[in-house]
PDB file of N, CA and C in Angstrom:
ATOM      1  N   UNK A   1     -30.255   0.407  18.366  1.00  0.00           N
ATOM      2  CA  UNK A   1     -29.226  -0.479  17.913  1.00  0.00           C
ATOM      3  C   UNK A   1     -29.692  -1.345  16.736  1.00  0.00           C
ATOM      4  N   UNK A   2     -30.988  -1.740  16.785  1.00  0.00           N
ATOM      5  CA  UNK A   2     -31.510  -2.528  15.686  1.00  0.00           C
ATOM      6  C   UNK A   2     -31.557  -1.730  14.418  1.00  0.00           C
ATOM      7  N   UNK A   3     -31.898  -0.436  14.542  1.00  0.00           N
ATOM      8  CA  UNK A   3     -31.937   0.389  13.307  1.00  0.00           C
ATOM      9  C   UNK A   3     -30.560   0.546  12.717  1.00  0.00           C
ATOM     10  N   UNK A   4     -29.533   0.682  13.589  1.00  0.00           N
ATOM     11  CA  UNK A   4     -28.173   0.799  13.031  1.00  0.00           C
ATOM     12  C   UNK A   4     -27.770  -0.525  12.331  1.00  0.00           C
ATOM     13  N   UNK A   5     -28.044  -1.674  12.900  1.00  0.00           N
ATOM     14  CA  UNK A   5     -27.680  -2.926  12.277  1.00  0.00           C
ATOM     15  C   UNK A   5     -28.442  -3.127  10.962  1.00  0.00           C
ATOM     16  N   UNK A   6     -29.671  -2.691  10.926  1.00  0.00           N
ATOM     17  CA  UNK A   6     -30.446  -2.771   9.676  1.00  0.00           C
ATOM     18  C   UNK A   6     -29.816  -1.893   8.597  1.00  0.00           C
ATOM     19  N   UNK A   7     -29.461  -0.679   8.991  1.00  0.00           N
ATOM     20  CA  UNK A   7     -28.804   0.236   8.042  1.00  0.00           C
ATOM     21  C   UNK A   7     -27.487  -0.325   7.560  1.00  0.00           C
ATOM     22  N   UNK A   8     -26.714  -0.867   8.425  1.00  0.00           N
ATOM     23  CA  UNK A   8     -25.458  -1.452   8.110  1.00  0.00           C
ATOM     24  C   UNK A   8     -25.596  -2.605   7.161  1.00  0.00           C
ATOM     25  N   UNK A   9     -26.586  -3.454   7.409  1.00  0.00           N
ATOM     26  CA  UNK A   9     -26.836  -4.571   6.500  1.00  0.00           C
ATOM     27  C   UNK A   9     -27.263  -4.094   5.128  1.00  0.00           C
ATOM     28  N   UNK A  10     -28.088  -3.100   5.035  1.00  0.00           N
ATOM     29  CA  UNK A  10     -28.488  -2.548   3.745  1.00  0.00           C
ATOM     30  C   UNK A  10     -27.296  -1.999   2.998  1.00  0.00           C
ATOM     31  N   UNK A  11     -26.453  -1.257   3.694  1.00  0.00           N
ATOM     32  CA  UNK A  11     -25.259  -0.728   3.094  1.00  0.00           C
ATOM     33  C   UNK A  11     -24.343  -1.757   2.578  1.00  0.00           C
ATOM     34  N   UNK A  12     -24.072  -2.793   3.371  1.00  0.00           N
ATOM     35  CA  UNK A  12     -23.188  -3.863   2.900  1.00  0.00           C
ATOM     36  C   UNK A  12     -23.775  -4.620   1.752  1.00  0.00           C
ATOM     37  N   UNK A  13     -25.089  -4.845   1.736  1.00  0.00           N
ATOM     38  CA  UNK A  13     -25.724  -5.483   0.649  1.00  0.00           C
ATOM     39  C   UNK A  13     -25.592  -4.704  -0.684  1.00  0.00           C
ATOM     40  N   UNK A  14     -25.804  -3.377  -0.593  1.00  0.00           N
ATOM     41  CA  UNK A  14     -25.664  -2.505  -1.765  1.00  0.00           C
ATOM     42  C   UNK A  14     -24.211  -2.460  -2.239  1.00  0.00           C
ATOM     43  N   UNK A  15     -23.284  -2.387  -1.257  1.00  0.00           N
ATOM     44  CA  UNK A  15     -21.833  -2.320  -1.600  1.00  0.00           C
ATOM     45  C   UNK A  15     -21.382  -3.592  -2.286  1.00  0.00           C
ATOM     46  N   UNK A  16     -21.758  -4.711  -1.758  1.00  0.00           N
ATOM     47  CA  UNK A  16     -21.360  -5.997  -2.333  1.00  0.00           C
ATOM     48  C   UNK A  16     -22.017  -6.167  -3.703  1.00  0.00           C
ATOM     49  N   UNK A  17     -23.220  -5.738  -3.904  1.00  0.00           N
ATOM     50  CA  UNK A  17     -23.864  -5.797  -5.236  1.00  0.00           C
ATOM     51  C   UNK A  17     -23.133  -4.922  -6.202  1.00  0.00           C
ATOM     52  N   UNK A  18     -22.673  -3.753  -5.813  1.00  0.00           N
ATOM     53  CA  UNK A  18     -21.944  -2.874  -6.727  1.00  0.00           C
ATOM     54  C   UNK A  18     -20.564  -3.487  -7.059  1.00  0.00           C
ATOM     55  N   UNK A  19     -19.928  -4.025  -6.059  1.00  0.00           N
ATOM     56  CA  UNK A  19     -18.624  -4.674  -6.325  1.00  0.00           C
ATOM     57  C   UNK A  19     -18.786  -5.866  -7.257  1.00  0.00           C
ATOM     58  N   UNK A  20     -19.876  -6.578  -7.116  1.00  0.00           N
ATOM     59  CA  UNK A  20     -20.118  -7.699  -8.025  1.00  0.00           C
ATOM     60  C   UNK A  20     -20.324  -7.230  -9.422  1.00  0.00           C
ATOM     61  N   UNK A  21     -20.989  -6.109  -9.636  1.00  0.00           N
ATOM     62  CA  UNK A  21     -21.149  -5.540 -10.969  1.00  0.00           C
ATOM     63  C   UNK A  21     -19.837  -5.092 -11.557  1.00  0.00           C
ATOM     64  N   UNK A  22     -19.021  -4.487 -10.718  1.00  0.00           N
ATOM     65  CA  UNK A  22     -17.699  -4.008 -11.191  1.00  0.00           C
ATOM     66  C   UNK A  22     -16.813  -5.192 -11.603  1.00  0.00           C
ATOM     67  N   UNK A  23     -16.826  -6.246 -10.784  1.00  0.00           N
ATOM     68  CA  UNK A  23     -15.985  -7.413 -11.078  1.00  0.00           C
ATOM     69  C   UNK A  23     -16.493  -8.119 -12.359  1.00  0.00           C
ATOM     70  N   UNK A  24     -17.832  -8.196 -12.486  1.00  0.00           N
ATOM     71  CA  UNK A  24     -18.355  -8.775 -13.698  1.00  0.00           C
ATOM     72  C   UNK A  24     -17.981  -7.998 -14.946  1.00  0.00           C
ATOM     73  N   UNK A  25     -18.039  -6.682 -14.850  1.00  0.00           N
ATOM     74  CA  UNK A  25     -17.634  -5.780 -15.980  1.00  0.00           C
ATOM     75  C   UNK A  25     -16.172  -6.013 -16.310  1.00  0.00           C
ATOM     76  N   UNK A  26     -15.319  -6.061 -15.335  1.00  0.00           N
ATOM     77  CA  UNK A  26     -13.887  -6.214 -15.595  1.00  0.00           C
ATOM     78  C   UNK A  26     -13.582  -7.611 -16.182  1.00  0.00           C
ATOM     79  N   UNK A  27     -14.246  -8.599 -15.695  1.00  0.00           N
ATOM     80  CA  UNK A  27     -14.002  -9.972 -16.201  1.00  0.00           C
ATOM     81  C   UNK A  27     -14.520 -10.163 -17.604  1.00  0.00           C
ATOM     82  N   UNK A  28     -15.523  -9.385 -17.992  1.00  0.00           N
ATOM     83  CA  UNK A  28     -16.093  -9.490 -19.351  1.00  0.00           C
ATOM     84  C   UNK A  28     -15.342  -8.737 -20.365  1.00  0.00           C
ATOM     85  N   UNK A  29     -14.413  -7.854 -19.961  1.00  0.00           N
ATOM     86  CA  UNK A  29     -13.628  -7.034 -20.890  1.00  0.00           C
ATOM     87  C   UNK A  29     -12.130  -7.309 -20.704  1.00  0.00           C
ATOM     88  N   UNK A  30     -11.562  -8.119 -21.597  1.00  0.00           N
ATOM     89  CA  UNK A  30     -10.168  -8.558 -21.399  1.00  0.00           C
ATOM     90  C   UNK A  30      -9.132  -7.421 -21.277  1.00  0.00           C
ATOM     91  N   UNK A  31      -9.341  -6.333 -22.063  1.00  0.00           N
ATOM     92  CA  UNK A  31      -8.370  -5.255 -22.005  1.00  0.00           C
ATOM     93  C   UNK A  31      -8.365  -4.557 -20.659  1.00  0.00           C
ATOM     94  N   UNK A  32      -9.539  -4.415 -20.079  1.00  0.00           N
ATOM     95  CA  UNK A  32      -9.639  -3.833 -18.720  1.00  0.00           C
ATOM     96  C   UNK A  32      -9.085  -4.767 -17.712  1.00  0.00           C
ATOM     97  N   UNK A  33      -9.277  -6.087 -17.913  1.00  0.00           N
ATOM     98  CA  UNK A  33      -8.710  -7.070 -16.983  1.00  0.00           C
ATOM     99  C   UNK A  33      -7.203  -7.018 -17.002  1.00  0.00           C
ATOM    100  N   UNK A  34      -6.585  -6.837 -18.131  1.00  0.00           N
ATOM    101  CA  UNK A  34      -5.143  -6.760 -18.216  1.00  0.00           C
ATOM    102  C   UNK A  34      -4.633  -5.514 -17.445  1.00  0.00           C
ATOM    103  N   UNK A  35      -5.314  -4.374 -17.641  1.00  0.00           N
ATOM    104  CA  UNK A  35      -4.927  -3.153 -16.940  1.00  0.00           C
ATOM    105  C   UNK A  35      -5.033  -3.306 -15.451  1.00  0.00           C
ATOM    106  N   UNK A  36      -6.148  -3.895 -14.995  1.00  0.00           N
ATOM    107  CA  UNK A  36      -6.310  -4.103 -13.529  1.00  0.00           C
ATOM    108  C   UNK A  36      -5.255  -5.065 -13.017  1.00  0.00           C
ATOM    109  N   UNK A  37      -4.947  -6.129 -13.693  1.00  0.00           N
ATOM    110  CA  UNK A  37      -3.921  -7.091 -13.224  1.00  0.00           C
ATOM    111  C   UNK A  37      -2.551  -6.436 -13.165  1.00  0.00           C
ATOM    112  N   UNK A  38      -2.215  -5.637 -14.155  1.00  0.00           N
ATOM    113  CA  UNK A  38      -0.902  -4.938 -14.104  1.00  0.00           C
ATOM    114  C   UNK A  38      -0.860  -3.973 -12.942  1.00  0.00           C
ATOM    115  N   UNK A  39      -1.901  -3.294 -12.660  1.00  0.00           N
ATOM    116  CA  UNK A  39      -1.932  -2.358 -11.504  1.00  0.00           C
ATOM    117  C   UNK A  39      -1.804  -3.136 -10.197  1.00  0.00           C
ATOM    118  N   UNK A  40      -2.466  -4.292 -10.071  1.00  0.00           N
ATOM    119  CA  UNK A  40      -2.393  -5.054  -8.848  1.00  0.00           C
ATOM    120  C   UNK A  40      -1.013  -5.621  -8.663  1.00  0.00           C
ATOM    121  N   UNK A  41      -0.375  -6.067  -9.730  1.00  0.00           N
ATOM    122  CA  UNK A  41       1.003  -6.575  -9.633  1.00  0.00           C
ATOM    123  C   UNK A  41       1.918  -5.503  -9.196  1.00  0.00           C
ATOM    124  N   UNK A  42       1.765  -4.284  -9.750  1.00  0.00           N
ATOM    125  CA  UNK A  42       2.596  -3.174  -9.379  1.00  0.00           C
ATOM    126  C   UNK A  42       2.413  -2.809  -7.877  1.00  0.00           C
ATOM    127  N   UNK A  43       1.258  -2.862  -7.414  1.00  0.00           N
ATOM    128  CA  UNK A  43       0.979  -2.591  -5.984  1.00  0.00           C
ATOM    129  C   UNK A  43       1.659  -3.628  -5.099  1.00  0.00           C
ATOM    130  N   UNK A  44       1.481  -4.888  -5.453  1.00  0.00           N
ATOM    131  CA  UNK A  44       2.093  -6.011  -4.670  1.00  0.00           C
ATOM    132  C   UNK A  44       3.619  -5.858  -4.687  1.00  0.00           C
ATOM    133  N   UNK A  45       4.196  -5.573  -5.803  1.00  0.00           N
ATOM    134  CA  UNK A  45       5.660  -5.429  -5.870  1.00  0.00           C
ATOM    135  C   UNK A  45       6.135  -4.280  -4.977  1.00  0.00           C
ATOM    136  N   UNK A  46       5.406  -3.128  -5.057  1.00  0.00           N
ATOM    137  CA  UNK A  46       5.847  -2.010  -4.210  1.00  0.00           C
ATOM    138  C   UNK A  46       5.704  -2.267  -2.754  1.00  0.00           C
ATOM    139  N   UNK A  47       4.678  -3.041  -2.338  1.00  0.00           N
ATOM    140  CA  UNK A  47       4.500  -3.381  -0.914  1.00  0.00           C
ATOM    141  C   UNK A  47       5.594  -4.352  -0.449  1.00  0.00           C
ATOM    142  N   UNK A  48       5.923  -5.330  -1.283  1.00  0.00           N
ATOM    143  CA  UNK A  48       6.914  -6.287  -0.951  1.00  0.00           C
ATOM    144  C   UNK A  48       8.283  -5.605  -0.838  1.00  0.00           C
ATOM    145  N   UNK A  49       8.557  -4.702  -1.716  1.00  0.00           N
ATOM    146  CA  UNK A  49       9.850  -3.994  -1.691  1.00  0.00           C
ATOM    147  C   UNK A  49       9.996  -3.174  -0.430  1.00  0.00           C
ATOM    148  N   UNK A  50       8.896  -2.668   0.113  1.00  0.00           N
ATOM    149  CA  UNK A  50       9.000  -1.922   1.396  1.00  0.00           C
ATOM    150  C   UNK A  50       9.308  -2.781   2.587  1.00  0.00           C
ATOM    151  N   UNK A  51       8.926  -4.020   2.537  1.00  0.00           N
ATOM    152  CA  UNK A  51       9.183  -4.941   3.632  1.00  0.00           C
ATOM    153  C   UNK A  51      10.557  -5.544   3.569  1.00  0.00           C
ATOM    154  N   UNK A  52      11.184  -5.532   2.419  1.00  0.00           N
ATOM    155  CA  UNK A  52      12.518  -6.071   2.326  1.00  0.00           C
ATOM    156  C   UNK A  52      13.530  -5.105   2.893  1.00  0.00           C
ATOM    157  N   UNK A  53      14.628  -5.603   3.505  1.00  0.00           N
ATOM    158  CA  UNK A  53      15.647  -4.663   4.012  1.00  0.00           C
ATOM    159  C   UNK A  53      16.237  -3.821   2.929  1.00  0.00           C
ATOM    160  N   UNK A  54      16.357  -2.559   3.209  1.00  0.00           N
ATOM    161  CA  UNK A  54      16.933  -1.637   2.222  1.00  0.00           C
ATOM    162  C   UNK A  54      15.901  -1.114   1.209  1.00  0.00           C
ATOM    163  N   UNK A  55      14.654  -1.554   1.325  1.00  0.00           N
ATOM    164  CA  UNK A  55      13.633  -1.096   0.403  1.00  0.00           C
ATOM    165  C   UNK A  55      13.197   0.310   0.691  1.00  0.00           C
ATOM    166  N   UNK A  56      12.747   1.051  -0.327  1.00  0.00           N
ATOM    167  CA  UNK A  56      12.320   2.383  -0.116  1.00  0.00           C
ATOM    168  C   UNK A  56      10.896   2.536  -0.283  1.00  0.00           C
TER     169      UNK A  56
END
């Protein structure tokens, strides 16, 4: 069990480090930031439309 928790901690540490690098890259490049924000807004709109009555 200890080995599993150690492996899980190492995985999460590496994953969060990678996500930090990606977020830093996106924040440092305004054109990529605009593309990411447009994509996120599109996803949010499509999810909200599904929850509204009559949404597809």
